[in-house]
């Protein structure tokens, strides 16, 4: 028994062509390599054994299994190999390749019952080739059937578009999945799938869908815009800018696209501002946004950041701003006066404390018998000063409380200042932007539940 070998698939093809003696069964892997040895079935794949060594191969790694002229396999093992071959060709679309694999299996099979089953499969594949059938999704159909299935996929995509416009995304999702499975080149289905995945926060899947749609329908501004939005979410800033630039060129002076670019330029990391692509985007944005601003000005709208505001909004904000500023100015005056009063009260308390200490120091006499100092009765002024300090301290505490209230009031006013709250949110072009629409009969096909 020869050692296990992992070699390039192309090399094995050459060996099989020039020799009739094989050295063990061959498991062709999906990465293009092959493993050769004696096969033993496991729950999740195959154990390839040779020269006392073993390699475990998962079913998901297997492209096909090729029997050689090794020792005859048991009926069970032979059938397992046939089933593995059947599974391995499910993802193939080349009938010539599939037929060659089954023919090789039949030629090398040593179990009569398995050979009969393999010949039945081979006859089915040969008949499909004779009918010039092609693979659409997971089905093999004639050329006429392919056209019909693709038409149905287009209708499913359009129906999904109408459902999405009604907000019925759950109903649209399976229609789109079916349409893409049947026709992976259906740009409408791919575009709408991108929208759905974006709404579901599946950003990577959304990006891939928009990439596919943009590749099928070049210069489609909505696909380019939506692709750029997903790339921006993934912090792929330069590729996003490149697609925004293509979107601007494909649909000049488009408001939604320019608004998204405005957000991008506002949030662009500083280190990328001088990037050549960023500079090109800035140039094209300025050119187009100037024209858009002129168009919007005729409607009384003006750009503030990535938002558009009316003349009435600006006038109202100015009035509100003046009102708040007047209140802040009054608060500032009140605050200064209160601060000064607190300082005055603190000075009064300090002066009074000085007088109290002096009275305490002078209100003593010497006891002639002992020579010690004996306190005398304090004058009324002493008690008046204490009361004055208590009153001053209460007033000072009240003024400090007023300062805290004024600070809070000023903070609230600042937070409520009228301003354009630029949320810097990019927007997708919706279902109406999908490419390649088709006409559907009567909207009765979309009953409202």
Protein backbone atom coordinates (compact mmCIF):
# COMPACT_ATOMS: atom_id res chain seq x y z
CA UNK A 1 0.00 0.00 0.00
CA UNK A 2 1.45 3.34 -0.99
CA UNK A 3 1.71 6.36 1.35
CA UNK A 4 -1.00 9.01 1.42
CA UNK A 5 -0.31 11.73 -1.11
CA UNK A 6 -1.76 15.20 -1.56
CA UNK A 7 -1.02 16.46 -5.05
CA UNK A 8 -2.28 18.98 -7.58
CA UNK A 9 -5.45 17.96 -9.41
CA UNK A 10 -3.87 18.68 -12.80
CA UNK A 11 -1.04 16.23 -12.09
CA UNK A 12 -3.51 13.46 -11.24
CA UNK A 13 -5.38 14.04 -14.50
CA UNK A 14 -2.14 13.47 -16.38
CA UNK A 15 -1.32 10.31 -14.39
CA UNK A 16 -4.78 8.84 -15.03
CA UNK A 17 -4.38 9.43 -18.75
CA UNK A 18 -1.02 7.68 -19.11
CA UNK A 19 -1.45 4.67 -16.82
CA UNK A 20 -4.04 1.97 -16.25
CA UNK A 21 -2.73 0.91 -12.87
CA UNK A 22 -3.80 3.10 -9.95
CA UNK A 23 -2.34 2.96 -6.50
CA UNK A 24 -5.46 3.67 -4.42
CA UNK A 25 -8.79 5.50 -4.44
CA UNK A 26 -8.56 9.26 -4.99
CA UNK A 27 -10.53 11.94 -3.16
CA UNK A 28 -10.55 15.15 -5.17
CA UNK A 29 -10.86 18.17 -2.89
CA UNK A 30 -12.56 21.49 -3.63
CA UNK A 31 -9.30 23.40 -3.16
CA UNK A 32 -7.87 21.63 -6.23
CA UNK A 33 -5.74 19.06 -4.39
CA UNK A 34 -6.31 15.31 -4.06
CA UNK A 35 -5.78 12.68 -1.36
CA UNK A 36 -5.01 9.07 -2.34
CA UNK A 37 -5.30 5.92 -0.29
CA UNK A 38 -7.79 3.38 1.03
CA UNK A 39 -11.13 4.95 1.93
CA UNK A 40 -13.18 4.35 5.05
CA UNK A 41 -16.51 6.08 5.58
CA UNK A 42 -17.01 8.24 8.72
CA UNK A 43 -20.06 10.10 10.03
CA UNK A 44 -18.92 13.42 8.59
CA UNK A 45 -16.68 12.38 5.68
CA UNK A 46 -13.94 9.94 4.81
CA UNK A 47 -10.84 8.51 6.43
CA UNK A 48 -8.09 8.07 3.81
CA UNK A 49 -5.56 5.48 4.98
CA UNK A 50 -2.22 4.50 3.52
CA UNK A 51 1.03 3.09 4.93
CA UNK A 52 -0.26 3.27 8.49
CA UNK A 53 -1.17 6.96 8.22
CA UNK A 54 -4.62 8.53 8.03
CA UNK A 55 -6.11 11.78 6.79
CA UNK A 56 -9.64 12.80 7.79
CA UNK A 57 -11.53 14.56 4.98
CA UNK A 58 -14.87 16.29 5.68
CA UNK A 59 -17.80 15.94 3.27
CA UNK A 60 -17.74 19.72 2.78
CA UNK A 61 -14.17 19.45 1.47
CA UNK A 62 -14.87 16.72 -1.10
CA UNK A 63 -15.35 17.62 -4.75
CA UNK A 64 -15.47 14.03 -6.06
CA UNK A 65 -14.25 10.51 -5.33
CA UNK A 66 -12.46 8.47 -7.97
CA UNK A 67 -12.27 4.70 -7.67
CA UNK A 68 -9.11 2.99 -8.90
CA UNK A 69 -8.21 -0.65 -9.60
CA UNK A 70 -7.55 -1.37 -5.96
CA UNK A 71 -9.04 -4.25 -4.03
CA UNK A 72 -12.78 -4.67 -4.66
CA UNK A 73 -14.91 -2.57 -2.35
CA UNK A 74 -17.72 -4.04 -0.31
CA UNK A 75 -21.23 -3.37 -1.70
CA UNK A 76 -21.89 -0.91 1.10
CA UNK A 77 -18.64 0.98 0.54
CA UNK A 78 -19.27 1.02 -3.22
CA UNK A 79 -22.73 2.52 -2.75
CA UNK A 80 -21.35 5.10 -0.34
CA UNK A 81 -18.84 6.13 -2.98
CA UNK A 82 -21.59 6.43 -5.58
CA UNK A 83 -23.66 8.59 -3.21
CA UNK A 84 -20.61 10.74 -2.57
CA UNK A 85 -20.16 11.17 -6.32
CA UNK A 86 -23.81 12.13 -6.69
CA UNK A 87 -23.39 14.72 -3.96
CA UNK A 88 -20.18 16.08 -5.44
CA UNK A 89 -21.77 16.89 -8.82
CA UNK A 90 -24.70 18.83 -7.34
CA UNK A 91 -22.75 22.05 -7.56
CA UNK A 92 -21.45 21.46 -11.09
CA UNK A 93 -22.98 22.90 -14.25
CA UNK A 94 -20.72 21.31 -16.90
CA UNK A 95 -22.43 18.20 -18.24
CA UNK A 96 -19.31 16.94 -20.01
CA UNK A 97 -17.39 16.96 -16.75
CA UNK A 98 -20.24 15.26 -14.85
CA UNK A 99 -20.61 12.54 -17.49
CA UNK A 100 -16.85 11.92 -17.46
CA UNK A 101 -16.92 11.41 -13.69
CA UNK A 102 -19.80 8.91 -13.83
CA UNK A 103 -18.23 7.09 -16.79
CA UNK A 104 -14.98 6.76 -14.86
CA UNK A 105 -16.92 5.46 -11.85
CA UNK A 106 -18.69 2.85 -13.99
CA UNK A 107 -15.43 1.75 -15.61
CA UNK A 108 -13.73 1.30 -12.25
CA UNK A 109 -16.65 -0.11 -10.23
CA UNK A 110 -16.27 -3.70 -9.05
CA UNK A 111 -19.66 -4.13 -7.38
CA UNK A 112 -22.35 -5.26 -9.88
CA UNK A 113 -25.32 -3.71 -8.07
CA UNK A 114 -23.59 -0.35 -7.64
CA UNK A 115 -22.48 -0.45 -11.28
CA UNK A 116 -26.10 -0.83 -12.40
CA UNK A 117 -27.14 2.18 -10.30
CA UNK A 118 -24.21 4.23 -11.61
CA UNK A 119 -25.13 3.36 -15.22
CA UNK A 120 -28.69 4.60 -14.58
CA UNK A 121 -27.27 7.89 -13.34
CA UNK A 122 -24.93 8.07 -16.30
CA UNK A 123 -27.83 7.53 -18.72
CA UNK A 124 -29.77 10.39 -17.09
CA UNK A 125 -26.83 12.77 -17.46
CA UNK A 126 -26.21 11.69 -21.06
CA UNK A 127 -29.87 12.26 -21.87
CA UNK A 128 -29.65 15.76 -20.40
CA UNK A 129 -26.64 16.48 -22.56
CA UNK A 130 -28.49 15.15 -25.61
CA UNK A 131 -31.36 17.55 -24.88
CA UNK A 132 -28.82 20.37 -24.45
CA UNK A 133 -30.15 21.06 -20.98
CA UNK A 134 -28.63 23.77 -18.80
CA UNK A 135 -28.60 24.35 -15.08
CA UNK A 136 -30.80 27.10 -13.66
CA UNK A 137 -30.52 27.37 -9.91
CA UNK A 138 -30.59 23.74 -8.77
CA UNK A 139 -32.67 22.52 -11.72
CA UNK A 140 -31.68 21.17 -15.13
CA UNK A 141 -33.94 22.51 -17.88
CA UNK A 142 -34.08 22.88 -21.63
CA UNK A 143 -33.20 26.17 -23.28
CA UNK A 144 -36.91 26.98 -23.54
CA UNK A 145 -37.43 26.07 -19.90
CA UNK A 146 -34.50 28.30 -18.93
CA UNK A 147 -36.08 31.29 -20.65
CA UNK A 148 -39.36 30.62 -18.85
CA UNK A 149 -37.68 30.25 -15.45
CA UNK A 150 -35.71 33.45 -15.92
CA UNK A 151 -38.90 35.28 -16.90
CA UNK A 152 -40.56 33.95 -13.76
CA UNK A 153 -37.57 35.09 -11.71
CA UNK A 154 -37.96 38.57 -13.15
CA UNK A 155 -41.65 38.58 -12.25
CA UNK A 156 -40.82 37.41 -8.72
CA UNK A 157 -38.30 40.21 -8.36
CA UNK A 158 -40.79 42.81 -9.55
CA UNK A 159 -43.46 41.43 -7.24
CA UNK A 160 -40.96 41.66 -4.37
CA UNK A 161 -40.25 45.27 -5.31
CA UNK A 162 -43.93 46.15 -5.07
CA UNK A 163 -44.21 44.34 -1.74
CA UNK A 164 -41.22 46.24 -0.36
CA UNK A 165 -42.81 49.53 -1.37
CA UNK A 166 -45.75 48.49 0.80
CA UNK A 167 -43.40 47.64 3.68
CA UNK A 168 -44.09 43.90 3.36
CA UNK A 169 -40.46 42.86 3.51
CA UNK A 170 -41.07 39.44 5.07
CA UNK A 171 -43.17 38.46 2.07
CA UNK A 172 -40.62 39.89 -0.35
CA UNK A 173 -37.63 38.03 1.12
CA UNK A 174 -38.43 34.49 -0.11
CA UNK A 175 -39.39 35.81 -3.55
CA UNK A 176 -36.00 37.46 -3.87
CA UNK A 177 -34.16 34.38 -2.63
CA UNK A 178 -35.94 32.29 -5.26
CA UNK A 179 -35.27 34.83 -8.01
CA UNK A 180 -31.54 34.99 -7.24
CA UNK A 181 -31.28 31.20 -7.03
CA UNK A 182 -32.88 30.82 -10.46
CA UNK A 183 -31.13 33.78 -12.06
CA UNK A 184 -28.00 35.02 -10.24
CA UNK A 185 -27.70 37.77 -12.87
CA UNK A 186 -31.07 39.35 -12.04
CA UNK A 187 -29.93 42.84 -11.08
CA UNK A 188 -33.33 43.81 -9.68
CA UNK A 189 -33.39 40.86 -7.28
CA UNK A 190 -29.81 41.53 -6.21
CA UNK A 191 -30.48 45.23 -5.65
CA UNK A 192 -33.60 44.57 -3.59
CA UNK A 193 -31.80 41.84 -1.64
CA UNK A 194 -29.17 44.44 -0.77
CA UNK A 195 -31.87 46.75 0.57
CA UNK A 196 -33.39 43.98 2.68
CA UNK A 197 -30.07 42.89 4.13
CA UNK A 198 -29.18 46.50 4.95
CA UNK A 199 -32.48 46.92 6.80
CA UNK A 200 -31.66 43.74 8.69
CA UNK A 201 -28.23 45.16 9.65
CA UNK A 202 -26.51 42.44 7.60
CA UNK A 203 -24.05 44.94 6.16
CA UNK A 204 -21.62 42.46 4.58
CA UNK A 205 -24.42 40.61 2.77
CA UNK A 206 -25.91 43.93 1.65
CA UNK A 207 -22.57 45.09 0.28
CA UNK A 208 -22.08 41.87 -1.69
CA UNK A 209 -25.57 42.14 -3.19
CA UNK A 210 -25.00 45.74 -4.31
CA UNK A 211 -21.58 44.82 -5.69
CA UNK A 212 -23.19 42.12 -7.82
CA UNK A 213 -25.96 44.46 -9.01
CA UNK A 214 -23.47 47.21 -9.89
CA UNK A 215 -21.34 44.73 -11.84
CA UNK A 216 -24.34 43.57 -13.88
CA UNK A 217 -25.71 47.06 -14.58
CA UNK A 218 -22.73 49.42 -14.90
CA UNK A 219 -23.19 53.13 -14.11
CA UNK A 220 -26.40 52.47 -12.20
CA UNK A 221 -26.36 55.37 -9.75
CA UNK A 222 -28.66 53.86 -7.06
CA UNK A 223 -26.59 50.66 -6.88
CA UNK A 224 -23.36 52.67 -6.69
CA UNK A 225 -24.78 54.96 -4.00
CA UNK A 226 -26.08 52.07 -1.89
CA UNK A 227 -22.83 50.15 -2.30
CA UNK A 228 -20.92 53.24 -1.10
CA UNK A 229 -23.20 53.56 1.95
CA UNK A 230 -22.52 49.96 2.98
CA UNK A 231 -18.78 50.43 2.46
CA UNK A 232 -18.86 53.57 4.60
CA UNK A 233 -20.58 51.60 7.36
CA UNK A 234 -17.66 49.16 7.20
CA UNK A 235 -15.15 52.05 7.34
CA UNK A 236 -13.99 51.28 3.78
CA UNK A 237 -13.72 55.00 3.17
CA UNK A 238 -11.68 55.18 -0.02
CA UNK A 239 -13.69 52.51 -1.94
CA UNK A 240 -16.88 54.21 -0.74
CA UNK A 241 -15.67 57.59 -2.01
CA UNK A 242 -14.82 56.02 -5.35
CA UNK A 243 -18.34 54.63 -5.71
CA UNK A 244 -19.90 57.90 -4.56
CA UNK A 245 -17.88 59.60 -7.28
CA UNK A 246 -19.17 57.17 -9.92
CA UNK A 247 -22.70 57.68 -8.63
CA UNK A 248 -22.37 61.47 -8.96
CA UNK A 249 -21.13 61.08 -12.53
CA UNK A 250 -23.88 58.60 -13.39
CA UNK A 251 -26.63 60.82 -11.95
CA UNK A 252 -25.39 64.43 -11.84
CA UNK A 253 -26.95 66.82 -9.32
CA UNK A 254 -28.93 64.05 -7.61
CA UNK A 255 -30.00 65.45 -4.24
CA UNK A 256 -29.87 62.22 -2.23
CA UNK A 257 -26.45 61.25 -3.57
CA UNK A 258 -25.03 64.72 -2.95
CA UNK A 259 -26.46 64.75 0.57
CA UNK A 260 -24.73 61.43 1.26
CA UNK A 261 -21.46 62.79 -0.12
CA UNK A 262 -21.87 65.83 2.14
CA UNK A 263 -22.11 63.49 5.14
CA UNK A 264 -19.07 61.57 3.89
CA UNK A 265 -16.97 64.71 3.55
CA UNK A 266 -18.02 65.95 6.99
CA UNK A 267 -17.08 62.67 8.66
CA UNK A 268 -14.06 61.79 6.51
CA UNK A 269 -11.01 60.99 8.68
CA UNK A 270 -8.58 63.95 8.46
CA UNK A 271 -5.73 61.79 7.22
CA UNK A 272 -7.73 60.92 4.08
CA UNK A 273 -8.66 64.47 3.05
CA UNK A 274 -5.65 64.76 0.74
CA UNK A 275 -6.17 61.33 -0.80
CA UNK A 276 -6.41 61.70 -4.63
CA UNK A 277 -9.82 60.01 -4.73
CA UNK A 278 -11.08 62.22 -1.91
CA UNK A 279 -9.83 65.30 -3.74
CA UNK A 280 -11.64 64.20 -6.89
CA UNK A 281 -14.86 63.63 -4.93
CA UNK A 282 -14.54 67.07 -3.31
CA UNK A 283 -14.12 68.69 -6.70
CA UNK A 284 -17.09 66.93 -8.29
CA UNK A 285 -19.23 67.53 -5.19
CA UNK A 286 -18.51 71.26 -5.15
CA UNK A 287 -19.32 71.56 -8.85
CA UNK A 288 -22.61 69.69 -8.60
CA UNK A 289 -23.65 70.99 -5.19
CA UNK A 290 -23.35 74.57 -6.40
CA UNK A 291 -25.87 73.81 -9.13
CA UNK A 292 -28.10 71.95 -6.66
CA UNK A 293 -27.91 74.89 -4.25
CA UNK A 294 -29.08 77.23 -7.01
CA UNK A 295 -32.00 74.92 -7.80
CA UNK A 296 -32.93 74.58 -4.13
CA UNK A 297 -32.63 78.33 -3.51
CA UNK A 298 -35.44 78.89 -6.00
CA UNK A 299 -37.55 76.78 -3.65
CA UNK A 300 -36.41 78.80 -0.65
CA UNK A 301 -34.13 76.01 0.64
CA UNK A 302 -30.49 76.28 1.69
CA UNK A 303 -27.87 73.70 2.62
CA UNK A 304 -26.70 73.54 6.20
CA UNK A 305 -24.29 70.63 6.49
CA UNK A 306 -26.00 67.66 4.89
CA UNK A 307 -29.49 69.09 5.51
CA UNK A 308 -31.66 71.55 3.65
CA UNK A 309 -33.60 74.26 5.50
CA UNK A 310 -36.11 76.85 4.39
CA UNK A 311 -35.95 80.64 4.68
CA UNK A 312 -38.76 80.41 7.24
CA UNK A 313 -36.75 77.91 9.31
CA UNK A 314 -33.73 80.19 9.31
CA UNK A 315 -35.83 83.23 10.33
CA UNK A 316 -37.45 81.27 13.15
CA UNK A 317 -34.10 79.96 14.36
CA UNK A 318 -32.71 83.49 14.41
CA UNK A 319 -35.66 84.69 16.50
CA UNK A 320 -35.33 81.77 18.88
CA UNK A 321 -31.60 82.29 19.06
CA UNK A 322 -32.06 85.96 20.01
CA UNK A 323 -34.64 85.08 22.65
CA UNK A 324 -32.35 82.49 24.24
CA UNK A 325 -29.33 84.79 24.03
CA UNK A 326 -31.29 87.56 25.79
CA UNK A 327 -32.16 85.12 28.58
CA UNK A 328 -28.55 83.98 28.81
CA UNK A 329 -27.38 87.58 29.02
CA UNK A 330 -29.88 88.29 31.81
CA UNK A 331 -28.74 85.14 33.62
CA UNK A 332 -25.13 86.24 33.26
CA UNK A 333 -25.99 89.59 34.87
CA UNK A 334 -27.93 87.93 37.67
CA UNK A 335 -25.09 85.48 38.18
CA UNK A 336 -22.52 88.26 38.50
CA UNK A 337 -24.69 90.16 40.96
CA UNK A 338 -25.27 87.05 43.01
CA UNK A 339 -21.56 86.27 42.96
CA UNK A 340 -20.78 89.79 44.14
CA UNK A 341 -23.38 89.52 46.92
CA UNK A 342 -21.83 86.22 48.07
CA UNK A 343 -18.44 87.92 48.22
CA UNK A 344 -19.93 90.85 50.16
CA UNK A 345 -21.58 88.53 52.66
CA UNK A 346 -18.38 86.56 53.08
CA UNK A 347 -16.53 89.81 53.82
CA UNK A 348 -19.24 90.90 56.27
CA UNK A 349 -19.00 87.58 58.11
CA UNK A 350 -15.22 87.87 58.24
CA UNK A 351 -15.39 91.47 59.59
CA UNK A 352 -17.95 90.48 62.19
CA UNK A 353 -15.83 87.51 63.23
CA UNK A 354 -12.93 89.94 63.74
CA UNK A 355 -14.98 92.17 66.01
CA UNK A 356 -16.29 89.15 67.93
CA UNK A 357 -12.73 87.94 68.53
CA UNK A 358 -11.66 91.40 69.73
CA UNK A 359 -14.58 91.61 72.19
CA UNK A 360 -13.70 88.15 73.48
CA UNK A 361 -10.06 89.22 73.88
CA UNK A 362 -10.85 92.45 75.75
CA UNK A 363 -13.72 91.28 77.91
CA UNK A 364 -11.52 89.99 80.77
CA UNK A 365 -10.22 91.33 84.17
CA UNK A 366 -7.38 90.23 86.44
CA UNK A 367 -8.33 88.49 89.67
CA UNK A 368 -6.32 90.32 92.39
CA UNK A 369 -6.21 87.24 94.59
CA UNK A 370 -5.02 84.75 91.98
CA UNK A 371 -3.65 87.00 89.30
CA UNK A 372 -5.58 84.98 86.70
CA UNK A 373 -7.73 86.32 83.85
CA UNK A 374 -11.47 86.26 84.52
CA UNK A 375 -14.00 86.84 81.65
CA UNK A 376 -16.52 89.56 82.11
CA UNK A 377 -20.02 90.03 80.76
CA UNK A 378 -20.01 90.49 76.96
CA UNK A 379 -21.64 93.67 75.70
CA UNK A 380 -24.88 93.50 73.70
CA UNK A 381 -22.87 94.30 70.54
CA UNK A 382 -21.26 90.86 70.85
CA UNK A 383 -24.60 89.10 70.55
CA UNK A 384 -25.77 91.45 67.80
CA UNK A 385 -22.70 90.54 65.74
CA UNK A 386 -23.40 86.80 66.18
CA UNK A 387 -26.99 87.25 65.02
CA UNK A 388 -25.80 89.33 62.06
CA UNK A 389 -23.36 86.58 61.05
CA UNK A 390 -26.07 83.93 61.27
CA UNK A 391 -28.35 85.99 59.05
CA UNK A 392 -25.49 86.70 56.61
CA UNK A 393 -24.63 82.99 56.42
CA UNK A 394 -28.25 82.08 55.68
CA UNK A 395 -28.37 84.69 52.93
CA UNK A 396 -25.04 83.47 51.53
CA UNK A 397 -26.26 79.87 51.44
CA UNK A 398 -29.38 81.02 49.61
CA UNK A 399 -27.28 82.93 47.07
CA UNK A 400 -25.08 79.87 46.49
CA UNK A 401 -28.26 77.86 45.83
CA UNK A 402 -29.38 80.50 43.34
CA UNK A 403 -26.03 80.21 41.56
CA UNK A 404 -26.54 76.46 41.14
CA UNK A 405 -30.06 77.02 39.76
CA UNK A 406 -28.80 79.67 37.35
CA UNK A 407 -26.04 77.35 36.11
CA UNK A 408 -28.58 74.60 35.43
CA UNK A 409 -30.93 77.05 33.70
CA UNK A 410 -28.08 78.32 31.51
CA UNK A 411 -27.14 74.74 30.58
CA UNK A 412 -30.74 73.98 29.62
CA UNK A 413 -30.90 77.11 27.48
CA UNK A 414 -27.65 76.20 25.74
CA UNK A 415 -28.94 72.70 25.04
CA UNK A 416 -32.11 74.14 23.55
CA UNK A 417 -30.34 76.60 21.30
CA UNK A 418 -31.88 76.43 17.82
CA UNK A 419 -29.45 74.73 15.50
CA UNK A 420 -29.32 72.35 12.58
CA UNK A 421 -28.83 69.02 14.24
CA UNK A 422 -26.84 67.25 11.58
CA UNK A 423 -27.30 63.58 12.33
CA UNK A 424 -24.80 62.64 9.59
CA UNK A 425 -26.95 59.71 8.45
CA UNK A 426 -26.51 58.41 4.92
CA UNK A 427 -29.57 57.22 3.06
CA UNK A 428 -30.21 54.38 0.66
CA UNK A 429 -31.98 54.78 -2.64
CA UNK A 430 -35.07 52.65 -2.08
CA UNK A 431 -36.97 50.05 -4.08
CA UNK A 432 -37.93 52.58 -6.74
CA UNK A 433 -34.27 52.83 -7.69
CA UNK A 434 -33.98 49.14 -8.61
CA UNK A 435 -32.82 48.45 -12.18
CA UNK A 436 -34.45 46.43 -14.95
CA UNK A 437 -38.08 46.66 -13.92
CA UNK A 438 -40.67 44.68 -15.85
CA UNK A 439 -44.38 45.17 -16.28
CA UNK A 440 -46.70 43.01 -14.24
CA UNK A 441 -50.39 42.50 -14.90
CA UNK A 442 -52.97 43.86 -12.47
CA UNK A 443 -51.92 44.61 -8.94
CA UNK A 444 -54.38 41.93 -7.81
CA UNK A 445 -51.37 39.62 -7.60
CA UNK A 446 -50.37 41.47 -4.46
CA UNK A 447 -53.30 41.10 -2.05
CA UNK A 448 -53.13 43.18 1.08
CA UNK A 449 -53.39 41.00 4.17
